[in-house]
PDB file of N, CA and C in Angstrom:
ATOM      1  N   MET A   1      -1.374 -15.227  21.957  1.00  0.00           N
ATOM      2  CA  MET A   1      -1.307 -14.026  22.548  1.00  0.00           C
ATOM      3  C   MET A   1      -1.441 -12.734  21.439  1.00  0.00           C
ATOM      4  N   GLN A   2      -2.016 -12.104  21.536  1.00  0.00           N
ATOM      5  CA  GLN A   2      -2.744 -10.806  21.159  1.00  0.00           C
ATOM      6  C   GLN A   2      -1.704  -9.596  21.150  1.00  0.00           C
ATOM      7  N   LEU A   3      -1.404  -9.435  20.146  1.00  0.00           N
ATOM      8  CA  LEU A   3      -0.169  -7.846  19.672  1.00  0.00           C
ATOM      9  C   LEU A   3      -0.984  -6.568  20.298  1.00  0.00           C
ATOM     10  N   HIS A   4      -0.447  -6.185  20.494  1.00  0.00           N
ATOM     11  CA  HIS A   4      -1.274  -4.645  20.679  1.00  0.00           C
ATOM     12  C   HIS A   4      -0.336  -3.299  20.400  1.00  0.00           C
ATOM     13  N   SER A   5      -1.088  -2.818  19.510  1.00  0.00           N
ATOM     14  CA  SER A   5      -0.214  -1.685  18.688  1.00  0.00           C
ATOM     15  C   SER A   5      -1.454  -0.481  19.243  1.00  0.00           C
ATOM     16  N   LYS A   6      -0.489   0.451  18.918  1.00  0.00           N
ATOM     17  CA  LYS A   6      -1.138   1.953  19.280  1.00  0.00           C
ATOM     18  C   LYS A   6      -1.728   2.376  17.799  1.00  0.00           C
ATOM     19  N   HIS A   7      -1.448   1.766  16.471  1.00  0.00           N
ATOM     20  CA  HIS A   7      -1.908   2.099  15.527  1.00  0.00           C
ATOM     21  C   HIS A   7      -3.165   0.329  14.517  1.00  0.00           C
ATOM     22  N   GLU A   8      -4.026   1.451  14.186  1.00  0.00           N
ATOM     23  CA  GLU A   8      -5.257   0.485  13.735  1.00  0.00           C
ATOM     24  C   GLU A   8      -4.529  -0.850  12.663  1.00  0.00           C
ATOM     25  N   ILE A   9      -4.934  -2.023  12.729  1.00  0.00           N
ATOM     26  CA  ILE A   9      -4.297  -3.007  12.123  1.00  0.00           C
ATOM     27  C   ILE A   9      -5.674  -3.185  10.960  1.00  0.00           C
ATOM     28  N   ILE A  10      -5.579  -2.591   9.996  1.00  0.00           N
ATOM     29  CA  ILE A  10      -6.380  -3.088   8.683  1.00  0.00           C
ATOM     30  C   ILE A  10      -5.976  -3.946   7.761  1.00  0.00           C
ATOM     31  N   ALA A  11      -6.970  -4.694   6.997  1.00  0.00           N
ATOM     32  CA  ALA A  11      -6.587  -5.386   5.693  1.00  0.00           C
ATOM     33  C   ALA A  11      -6.246  -5.037   4.279  1.00  0.00           C
ATOM     34  N   CYS A  12      -5.216  -5.024   3.565  1.00  0.00           N
ATOM     35  CA  CYS A  12      -4.951  -5.012   2.526  1.00  0.00           C
ATOM     36  C   CYS A  12      -5.997  -5.291   1.100  1.00  0.00           C
ATOM     37  N   GLU A  13      -6.325  -4.231   0.763  1.00  0.00           N
ATOM     38  CA  GLU A  13      -7.647  -4.259  -0.260  1.00  0.00           C
ATOM     39  C   GLU A  13      -7.617  -5.138  -1.144  1.00  0.00           C
ATOM     40  N   ARG A  14      -6.199  -5.311  -1.671  1.00  0.00           N
ATOM     41  CA  ARG A  14      -5.870  -6.293  -2.441  1.00  0.00           C
ATOM     42  C   ARG A  14      -5.878  -7.758  -2.308  1.00  0.00           C
ATOM     43  N   CYS A  15      -4.829  -8.066  -1.074  1.00  0.00           N
ATOM     44  CA  CYS A  15      -4.663  -9.230  -0.992  1.00  0.00           C
ATOM     45  C   CYS A  15      -4.991 -10.261   0.726  1.00  0.00           C
ATOM     46  N   GLY A  16      -5.628  -8.756   1.491  1.00  0.00           N
ATOM     47  CA  GLY A  16      -6.598  -9.243   2.632  1.00  0.00           C
ATOM     48  C   GLY A  16      -5.254  -9.202   3.686  1.00  0.00           C
ATOM     49  N   GLY A  17      -4.002  -9.323   3.349  1.00  0.00           N
ATOM     50  CA  GLY A  17      -3.251  -9.258   4.452  1.00  0.00           C
ATOM     51  C   GLY A  17      -3.228  -8.085   5.343  1.00  0.00           C
ATOM     52  N   SER A  18      -2.826  -8.347   6.761  1.00  0.00           N
ATOM     53  CA  SER A  18      -2.857  -7.140   7.463  1.00  0.00           C
ATOM     54  C   SER A  18      -2.249  -5.943   7.662  1.00  0.00           C
ATOM     55  N   ILE A  19      -2.302  -4.967   7.365  1.00  0.00           N
ATOM     56  CA  ILE A  19      -1.037  -4.087   7.769  1.00  0.00           C
ATOM     57  C   ILE A  19      -1.698  -2.965   8.976  1.00  0.00           C
ATOM     58  N   GLU A  20      -0.624  -2.052   9.589  1.00  0.00           N
ATOM     59  CA  GLU A  20      -0.369  -1.564  10.834  1.00  0.00           C
ATOM     60  C   GLU A  20      -0.483  -0.048   9.924  1.00  0.00           C
ATOM     61  N   CYS A  21      -1.890   0.550   9.720  1.00  0.00           N
ATOM     62  CA  CYS A  21      -1.748   1.309   9.644  1.00  0.00           C
ATOM     63  C   CYS A  21      -1.016   2.604  10.593  1.00  0.00           C
ATOM     64  N   LYS A  22      -0.620   3.610   9.816  1.00  0.00           N
ATOM     65  CA  LYS A  22       0.294   4.486  10.232  1.00  0.00           C
ATOM     66  C   LYS A  22      -0.141   5.701   9.246  1.00  0.00           C
ATOM     67  N   ALA A  23      -1.197   5.848   9.294  1.00  0.00           N
ATOM     68  CA  ALA A  23      -1.817   7.323   8.994  1.00  0.00           C
ATOM     69  C   ALA A  23      -0.846   8.166   9.445  1.00  0.00           C
ATOM     70  N   ASN A  24      -1.154   8.722  10.460  1.00  0.00           N
ATOM     71  CA  ASN A  24      -0.963   9.565  11.245  1.00  0.00           C
ATOM     72  C   ASN A  24       0.882   9.766  11.624  1.00  0.00           C
ATOM     73  N   ALA A  25       1.468   9.123  10.910  1.00  0.00           N
ATOM     74  CA  ALA A  25       2.778   8.894  10.534  1.00  0.00           C
ATOM     75  C   ALA A  25       3.190   7.768   9.268  1.00  0.00           C
ATOM     76  N   TYR A  26       2.598   8.597   8.913  1.00  0.00           N
ATOM     77  CA  TYR A  26       2.551   7.892   7.250  1.00  0.00           C
ATOM     78  C   TYR A  26       4.106   7.498   6.671  1.00  0.00           C
ATOM     79  N   THR A  27       4.886   8.589   7.026  1.00  0.00           N
ATOM     80  CA  THR A  27       6.648   8.225   6.964  1.00  0.00           C
ATOM     81  C   THR A  27       7.275   7.186   7.440  1.00  0.00           C
ATOM     82  N   LYS A  28       6.427   6.113   8.314  1.00  0.00           N
ATOM     83  CA  LYS A  28       7.186   5.430   9.495  1.00  0.00           C
ATOM     84  C   LYS A  28       5.901   3.909   8.335  1.00  0.00           C
ATOM     85  N   CYS A  29       4.674   4.400   7.877  1.00  0.00           N
ATOM     86  CA  CYS A  29       4.283   3.359   7.262  1.00  0.00           C
ATOM     87  C   CYS A  29       5.049   2.824   6.623  1.00  0.00           C
ATOM     88  N   GLN A  30       4.530   1.196   6.283  1.00  0.00           N
ATOM     89  CA  GLN A  30       5.125   0.048   5.251  1.00  0.00           C
ATOM     90  C   GLN A  30       4.884   0.551   4.001  1.00  0.00           C
ATOM     91  N   CYS A  31       3.525   1.301   3.386  1.00  0.00           N
ATOM     92  CA  CYS A  31       3.435   1.558   2.390  1.00  0.00           C
ATOM     93  C   CYS A  31       4.500   2.704   1.706  1.00  0.00           C
ATOM     94  N   SER A  32       5.407   3.833   2.864  1.00  0.00           N
ATOM     95  CA  SER A  32       6.201   4.637   2.518  1.00  0.00           C
ATOM     96  C   SER A  32       7.181   3.942   1.608  1.00  0.00           C
ATOM     97  N   ALA A  33       7.550   3.037   2.147  1.00  0.00           N
ATOM     98  CA  ALA A  33       8.737   1.822   0.983  1.00  0.00           C
ATOM     99  C   ALA A  33       8.913   2.101   0.035  1.00  0.00           C
ATOM    100  N   VAL A  34       7.604   1.717  -0.891  1.00  0.00           N
ATOM    101  CA  VAL A  34       7.409   1.853  -2.009  1.00  0.00           C
ATOM    102  C   VAL A  34       7.275   3.710  -2.706  1.00  0.00           C
ATOM    103  N   GLN A  35       8.486   3.934  -3.672  1.00  0.00           N
ATOM    104  CA  GLN A  35       8.036   5.170  -4.355  1.00  0.00           C
ATOM    105  C   GLN A  35       7.397   5.064  -5.461  1.00  0.00           C
ATOM    106  N   LEU A  36       6.554   5.688  -5.393  1.00  0.00           N
ATOM    107  CA  LEU A  36       6.183   5.879  -6.687  1.00  0.00           C
ATOM    108  C   LEU A  36       5.680   7.102  -7.532  1.00  0.00           C
ATOM    109  N   SER A  37       5.737   6.881  -8.537  1.00  0.00           N
ATOM    110  CA  SER A  37       5.628   8.384  -9.451  1.00  0.00           C
ATOM    111  C   SER A  37       4.191   9.187  -9.030  1.00  0.00           C
ATOM    112  N   ILE A  38       3.786  10.111 -10.159  1.00  0.00           N
ATOM    113  CA  ILE A  38       2.532  10.724  -9.872  1.00  0.00           C
ATOM    114  C   ILE A  38       1.216   9.647 -10.744  1.00  0.00           C
ATOM    115  N   ASN A  39       1.914   9.306 -12.060  1.00  0.00           N
ATOM    116  CA  ASN A  39       0.884   8.332 -13.472  1.00  0.00           C
ATOM    117  C   ASN A  39       0.992   6.982 -12.183  1.00  0.00           C
ATOM    118  N   GLU A  40       1.901   6.195 -11.297  1.00  0.00           N
ATOM    119  CA  GLU A  40       1.831   4.869 -10.420  1.00  0.00           C
ATOM    120  C   GLU A  40       1.105   5.131  -9.645  1.00  0.00           C
ATOM    121  N   VAL A  41       0.411   6.315  -8.803  1.00  0.00           N
ATOM    122  CA  VAL A  41      -0.256   6.734  -7.929  1.00  0.00           C
ATOM    123  C   VAL A  41      -1.541   6.570  -8.491  1.00  0.00           C
ATOM    124  N   GLN A  42      -1.889   7.653  -9.537  1.00  0.00           N
ATOM    125  CA  GLN A  42      -2.906   7.802  -9.945  1.00  0.00           C
ATOM    126  C   GLN A  42      -3.593   6.203 -11.037  1.00  0.00           C
ATOM    127  N   TYR A  43      -2.441   5.107 -11.832  1.00  0.00           N
ATOM    128  CA  TYR A  43      -2.913   4.195 -12.170  1.00  0.00           C
ATOM    129  C   TYR A  43      -3.493   2.764 -10.631  1.00  0.00           C
ATOM    130  N   ILE A  44      -2.896   3.065  -9.450  1.00  0.00           N
ATOM    131  CA  ILE A  44      -3.047   2.146  -8.441  1.00  0.00           C
ATOM    132  C   ILE A  44      -5.012   2.806  -7.634  1.00  0.00           C
ATOM    133  N   SER A  45      -4.764   4.224  -8.259  1.00  0.00           N
ATOM    134  CA  SER A  45      -5.667   4.551  -7.131  1.00  0.00           C
ATOM    135  C   SER A  45      -7.170   4.371  -8.398  1.00  0.00           C
ATOM    136  N   GLU A  46      -7.082   4.345  -9.156  1.00  0.00           N
ATOM    137  CA  GLU A  46      -8.351   4.041 -10.280  1.00  0.00           C
ATOM    138  C   GLU A  46      -8.689   2.490 -10.189  1.00  0.00           C
ATOM    139  N   LEU A  47      -7.918   1.526  -9.755  1.00  0.00           N
ATOM    140  CA  LEU A  47      -8.034   0.322  -9.125  1.00  0.00           C
ATOM    141  C   LEU A  47      -8.604   0.033  -7.951  1.00  0.00           C
ATOM    142  N   TYR A  48      -8.020   1.032  -6.622  1.00  0.00           N
ATOM    143  CA  TYR A  48      -8.725   0.344  -5.138  1.00  0.00           C
ATOM    144  C   TYR A  48      -8.607   1.851  -4.709  1.00  0.00           C
ATOM    145  N   ASP A  49      -9.234   1.758  -3.860  1.00  0.00           N
ATOM    146  CA  ASP A  49      -9.777   3.287  -2.932  1.00  0.00           C
ATOM    147  C   ASP A  49      -9.141   3.301  -1.355  1.00  0.00           C
ATOM    148  N   GLY A  50      -8.952   2.011  -1.171  1.00  0.00           N
ATOM    149  CA  GLY A  50      -8.402   1.793   0.049  1.00  0.00           C
ATOM    150  C   GLY A  50      -6.652   1.035   0.199  1.00  0.00           C
ATOM    151  N   CYS A  51      -6.187   1.031   1.656  1.00  0.00           N
ATOM    152  CA  CYS A  51      -4.977   0.811   1.319  1.00  0.00           C
ATOM    153  C   CYS A  51      -4.392  -0.216   1.313  1.00  0.00           C
ATOM    154  N   LEU A  52      -3.229  -0.854   0.500  1.00  0.00           N
ATOM    155  CA  LEU A  52      -2.546  -1.854   0.352  1.00  0.00           C
ATOM    156  C   LEU A  52      -1.174  -1.996   0.824  1.00  0.00           C
ATOM    157  N   CYS A  53      -0.631  -3.201   0.747  1.00  0.00           N
ATOM    158  CA  CYS A  53       0.431  -3.235   1.567  1.00  0.00           C
ATOM    159  C   CYS A  53       1.677  -3.345   0.590  1.00  0.00           C
ATOM    160  N   ALA A  54       2.840  -2.753   1.107  1.00  0.00           N
ATOM    161  CA  ALA A  54       3.590  -2.643   0.341  1.00  0.00           C
ATOM    162  C   ALA A  54       4.211  -4.003  -0.926  1.00  0.00           C
ATOM    163  N   LYS A  55       3.701  -4.742  -0.188  1.00  0.00           N
ATOM    164  CA  LYS A  55       3.848  -5.848  -1.587  1.00  0.00           C
ATOM    165  C   LYS A  55       3.391  -5.808  -2.402  1.00  0.00           C
ATOM    166  N   CYS A  56       1.869  -5.673  -2.601  1.00  0.00           N
ATOM    167  CA  CYS A  56       0.972  -5.083  -3.665  1.00  0.00           C
ATOM    168  C   CYS A  56       1.263  -4.006  -4.081  1.00  0.00           C
ATOM    169  N   LEU A  57       1.462  -2.741  -3.721  1.00  0.00           N
ATOM    170  CA  LEU A  57       2.195  -1.455  -4.310  1.00  0.00           C
ATOM    171  C   LEU A  57       3.242  -1.618  -4.857  1.00  0.00           C
ATOM    172  N   GLY A  58       4.067  -2.619  -4.504  1.00  0.00           N
ATOM    173  CA  GLY A  58       5.221  -2.851  -5.314  1.00  0.00           C
ATOM    174  C   GLY A  58       4.757  -3.860  -6.768  1.00  0.00           C
ATOM    175  N   GLU A  59       3.849  -4.967  -6.673  1.00  0.00           N
ATOM    176  CA  GLU A  59       3.888  -5.554  -7.524  1.00  0.00           C
ATOM    177  C   GLU A  59       2.297  -4.769  -8.572  1.00  0.00           C
ATOM    178  N   LEU A  60       1.803  -4.061  -8.317  1.00  0.00           N
ATOM    179  CA  LEU A  60       1.128  -2.967  -9.216  1.00  0.00           C
ATOM    180  C   LEU A  60       1.987  -2.107  -9.794  1.00  0.00           C
ATOM    181  N   GLN A  61       2.980  -1.508  -8.914  1.00  0.00           N
ATOM    182  CA  GLN A  61       4.150  -0.061  -9.748  1.00  0.00           C
ATOM    183  C   GLN A  61       4.931  -1.166 -10.762  1.00  0.00           C
ATOM    184  N   GLN A  62       4.821  -2.046 -10.657  1.00  0.00           N
ATOM    185  CA  GLN A  62       5.642  -3.269 -11.932  1.00  0.00           C
ATOM    186  C   GLN A  62       4.742  -3.964 -12.747  1.00  0.00           C
ATOM    187  N   GLU A  63       3.408  -4.159 -12.392  1.00  0.00           N
ATOM    188  CA  GLU A  63       2.353  -3.984 -13.357  1.00  0.00           C
ATOM    189  C   GLU A  63       2.337  -2.789 -14.401  1.00  0.00           C
ATOM    190  N   TYR A  64       1.928  -1.903 -13.628  1.00  0.00           N
ATOM    191  CA  TYR A  64       2.142  -0.299 -14.279  1.00  0.00           C
ATOM    192  C   TYR A  64       3.312  -0.217 -15.530  1.00  0.00           C
ATOM    193  N   GLN A  65       4.574  -0.186 -14.868  1.00  0.00           N
ATOM    194  CA  GLN A  65       6.019  -0.224 -15.804  1.00  0.00           C
ATOM    195  C   GLN A  65       5.712  -1.202 -17.224  1.00  0.00           C
ATOM    196  N   GLN A  66       5.334  -2.198 -16.584  1.00  0.00           N
ATOM    197  CA  GLN A  66       5.137  -3.267 -17.690  1.00  0.00           C
ATOM    198  C   GLN A  66       3.982  -2.954 -19.141  1.00  0.00           C
ATOM    199  N   GLU A  67       2.901  -2.089 -18.586  1.00  0.00           N
ATOM    200  CA  GLU A  67       1.894  -1.840 -19.670  1.00  0.00           C
ATOM    201  C   GLU A  67       2.369  -0.689 -19.937  1.00  0.00           C
ATOM    202  N   MET A  68       3.220  -0.123 -19.521  1.00  0.00           N
ATOM    203  CA  MET A  68       3.810   1.214 -20.168  1.00  0.00           C
ATOM    204  C   MET A  68       5.079   1.213 -21.347  1.00  0.00           C
ATOM    205  N   HIS A  69       5.409  -0.097 -21.228  1.00  0.00           N
ATOM    206  CA  HIS A  69       6.485  -0.525 -22.534  1.00  0.00           C
ATOM    207  C   HIS A  69       5.957  -1.281 -22.887  1.00  0.00           C
TER     208      HIS A  69
END
């Protein structure tokens, strides 16, 4: 059974998992669940160009915080 969505299904650039991209409604996108500081966003954007799932964003946020301590 194939699920139909009005949003594009893309792969997370880091883990390859499926993400339902809601760029046109970004406050409802799973990535908005991870609250990143400006420095964390910059750190992640230096490593990846594409979309990342919330799990990967959370892991990268922790990685950044550990590197800063």
